[in-house]
Amino acid sequence: MRYAGFDRSQSLTSLMGFVPQTSTLMNRTEPRSTSLIASIVFVAMAVLYGCASYDAQNKESLLTAAGFRARTPSTAAQQAMFNRMVPYKVERRVRNGKVLYAYADPQKNLVYIGGEKEYQTYKQLGLQQSIAQDQLEAAQINEEASLYNWGPYWGPWNPWW
C-alpha cells in the first residue's frame, strides 16, 4: 500500500535522509580504544622515563658533590671499556692495585670516576639526603594530620558514646 509516495517497506529515517547506525558501543571495535590504550602507555612511559632521568640526575649531582670527576672516553680502549659498563650504576673496579669507583652515563657519554674517599663521601651524602627526604615526608604527614584535628571526642581513644 502506498500513501503519497511512501512505501511501507521504506522506513521514515531513510526517507528523511538519516543513515541508521547498525552498530552499538558494545559490539563494535572502537579505534579510539586502541588509541586510548596507546596514549596511556605513552604517558606511563614518559612518567617512568622522567622518574628515571630524575634519579640519574640526582645520583650524578651526589657524585659530583662527593668529588667524583666527570670524564669523556677519548680513546678507543676507553670507549670500549665505557660500552662494557652497566649504565647508571656505581661499579667498583681495581686498577693497578688501586680501588676506583666508576659510574657510566651513556646518554651524556660521561664516566664519573672517584676513589675510596669520594665513594664514602657519596654514600654519606646519599644517606643524608635520604634522611632529609624522610623527615620532609614525616613533616608533611604531620601537617596534613593537624589540618584534620576534630577535637578530643573524635579520636580513637575517646569515643563519644
Protein backbone atom coordinates (compact mmCIF):
# COMPACT_ATOMS: atom_id res chain seq x y z
CA MET A 1 0.00 0.00 0.00
CA ARG A 2 1.39 3.37 -0.96
CA TYR A 3 0.47 6.68 0.61
CA ALA A 4 1.60 9.75 -1.31
CA GLY A 5 4.96 8.33 -2.34
CA PHE A 6 5.54 6.44 0.91
CA ASP A 7 6.05 2.71 0.76
CA ARG A 8 5.66 0.73 3.99
CA SER A 9 8.87 -1.13 3.24
CA GLN A 10 10.73 2.17 3.49
CA SER A 11 11.43 3.49 6.92
CA LEU A 12 10.86 7.05 7.98
CA THR A 13 14.55 7.59 8.70
CA SER A 14 15.62 6.52 5.25
CA LEU A 15 13.09 8.88 3.68
CA MET A 16 14.34 11.79 5.75
CA GLY A 17 17.92 11.11 4.75
CA PHE A 18 19.16 9.73 8.06
CA VAL A 19 21.56 6.84 7.92
CA PRO A 20 20.73 4.39 10.66
CA GLN A 21 23.62 3.15 12.80
CA THR A 22 23.86 -0.58 12.77
CA SER A 23 26.46 -0.99 15.47
CA THR A 24 26.46 -0.16 19.13
CA LEU A 25 29.23 0.61 21.57
CA MET A 26 29.13 -2.92 22.90
CA ASN A 27 29.72 -4.85 19.68
CA ARG A 28 31.94 -2.71 17.53
CA THR A 29 35.67 -2.49 17.53
CA GLU A 30 36.46 1.03 18.54
CA PRO A 31 39.62 2.57 17.10
CA ARG A 32 39.51 5.09 19.93
CA SER A 33 40.04 2.31 22.47
CA THR A 34 43.35 1.31 20.89
CA SER A 35 44.45 4.92 20.68
CA LEU A 36 43.41 5.42 24.30
CA ILE A 37 45.48 2.43 25.38
CA ALA A 38 48.41 3.63 23.31
CA SER A 39 48.22 7.11 24.84
CA ILE A 40 48.03 5.66 28.37
CA VAL A 41 51.08 3.53 27.68
CA PHE A 42 52.89 6.54 26.23
CA VAL A 43 52.10 8.69 29.28
CA ALA A 44 53.19 5.90 31.65
CA MET A 45 56.46 5.51 29.76
CA ALA A 46 57.05 9.27 29.84
CA VAL A 47 56.44 9.35 33.59
CA LEU A 48 58.77 6.42 34.18
CA TYR A 49 61.41 7.96 31.94
CA GLY A 50 61.07 11.22 33.85
CA CYS A 51 61.49 9.42 37.15
CA ALA A 52 64.49 7.50 35.87
CA SER A 53 66.15 10.61 34.47
CA TYR A 54 65.49 12.44 37.76
CA ASP A 55 67.09 9.57 39.68
CA ALA A 56 70.12 9.55 37.38
CA GLN A 57 70.45 13.34 37.57
CA ASN A 58 70.20 13.19 41.37
CA LYS A 59 72.85 10.47 41.54
CA GLU A 60 75.16 12.45 39.24
CA SER A 61 74.72 15.53 41.44
CA LEU A 62 75.67 13.49 44.51
CA LEU A 63 78.70 12.03 42.71
CA THR A 64 79.90 15.48 41.67
CA ALA A 65 79.34 16.87 45.17
CA ALA A 66 81.32 13.92 46.60
CA GLY A 67 84.32 14.75 44.44
CA PHE A 68 83.94 12.32 41.53
CA ARG A 69 85.46 13.62 38.31
CA ALA A 70 83.45 13.55 35.08
CA ARG A 71 85.41 12.26 32.11
CA THR A 72 84.53 11.65 28.48
CA PRO A 73 86.02 8.50 26.94
CA SER A 74 88.57 9.80 24.45
CA THR A 75 90.41 6.73 23.15
CA ALA A 76 89.04 3.59 21.53
CA ALA A 77 90.09 1.50 24.55
CA GLN A 78 88.28 3.88 26.92
CA GLN A 79 85.19 3.82 24.70
CA ALA A 80 85.23 0.01 24.65
CA MET A 81 85.50 -0.08 28.45
CA PHE A 82 82.71 2.51 28.70
CA ASN A 83 80.46 0.36 26.48
CA ARG A 84 81.00 -2.66 28.76
CA MET A 85 79.96 -0.76 31.89
CA VAL A 86 76.48 -1.11 33.39
CA PRO A 87 74.71 2.21 32.78
CA TYR A 88 73.61 4.37 35.72
CA LYS A 89 75.24 2.17 38.35
CA VAL A 90 78.28 2.79 40.51
CA GLU A 91 80.79 0.00 39.88
CA ARG A 92 83.83 -0.91 41.93
CA ARG A 93 86.99 -1.59 39.94
CA VAL A 94 90.57 -2.38 40.88
CA ARG A 95 93.20 -0.87 38.60
CA ASN A 96 96.93 -1.18 39.29
CA GLY A 97 96.15 -2.25 42.87
CA LYS A 98 94.06 0.86 43.47
CA VAL A 99 90.29 0.79 44.11
CA LEU A 100 88.30 3.05 41.80
CA TYR A 101 84.58 3.62 41.52
CA ALA A 102 83.03 4.44 38.16
CA TYR A 103 79.55 5.49 37.07
CA ALA A 104 78.61 5.47 33.38
CA ASP A 105 76.06 7.84 31.85
CA PRO A 106 75.59 6.72 28.23
CA GLN A 107 73.11 9.48 27.45
CA LYS A 108 75.72 12.18 28.18
CA ASN A 109 78.67 9.95 27.23
CA LEU A 110 80.32 10.61 30.60
CA VAL A 111 82.07 8.48 33.20
CA TYR A 112 82.25 9.68 36.79
CA ILE A 113 85.43 8.38 38.45
CA GLY A 114 86.40 8.53 42.11
CA GLY A 115 88.43 6.75 44.76
CA GLU A 116 87.54 5.25 48.12
CA LYS A 117 87.34 8.65 49.84
CA GLU A 118 84.95 10.05 47.21
CA TYR A 119 82.82 6.90 47.34
CA GLN A 120 82.45 7.10 51.13
CA THR A 121 81.51 10.79 50.80
CA TYR A 122 78.96 9.84 48.11
CA LYS A 123 77.40 7.20 50.39
CA GLN A 124 77.28 9.70 53.28
CA LEU A 125 75.62 12.35 51.09
CA GLY A 126 73.10 9.79 49.85
CA LEU A 127 72.27 8.81 53.44
CA GLN A 128 71.88 12.45 54.46
CA GLN A 129 69.60 13.08 51.51
CA SER A 130 67.52 10.01 52.36
CA ILE A 131 67.15 11.13 55.99
CA ALA A 132 66.20 14.64 54.88
CA GLN A 133 63.60 13.21 52.47
CA ASP A 134 62.14 11.00 55.25
CA GLN A 135 61.95 13.98 57.60
CA LEU A 136 60.24 16.08 54.95
CA GLU A 137 57.66 13.36 54.31
CA ALA A 138 57.04 12.96 58.05
CA ALA A 139 56.57 16.72 58.42
CA GLN A 140 54.09 16.74 55.53
CA ILE A 141 52.15 13.86 57.08
CA ASN A 142 52.07 15.65 60.45
CA GLU A 143 50.94 18.88 58.80
CA GLU A 144 48.13 17.09 56.97
CA ALA A 145 47.08 15.32 60.18
CA SER A 146 46.93 18.62 62.06
CA LEU A 147 44.57 20.03 59.46
CA TYR A 148 42.00 17.42 60.43
CA ASN A 149 42.03 17.88 64.20
CA TRP A 150 38.46 17.11 65.18
CA GLY A 151 38.86 17.59 68.90
CA PRO A 152 39.36 15.17 71.78
CA TYR A 153 35.99 13.41 71.41
CA TRP A 154 36.53 12.19 67.87
CA GLY A 155 39.86 10.46 68.43
CA PRO A 156 40.30 6.68 68.68
CA TRP A 157 40.86 6.73 72.48
CA ASN A 158 37.92 8.88 73.47
CA PRO A 159 34.74 7.56 71.88
CA TRP A 160 31.82 9.90 72.45
CA TRP A 161 29.29 7.19 73.09
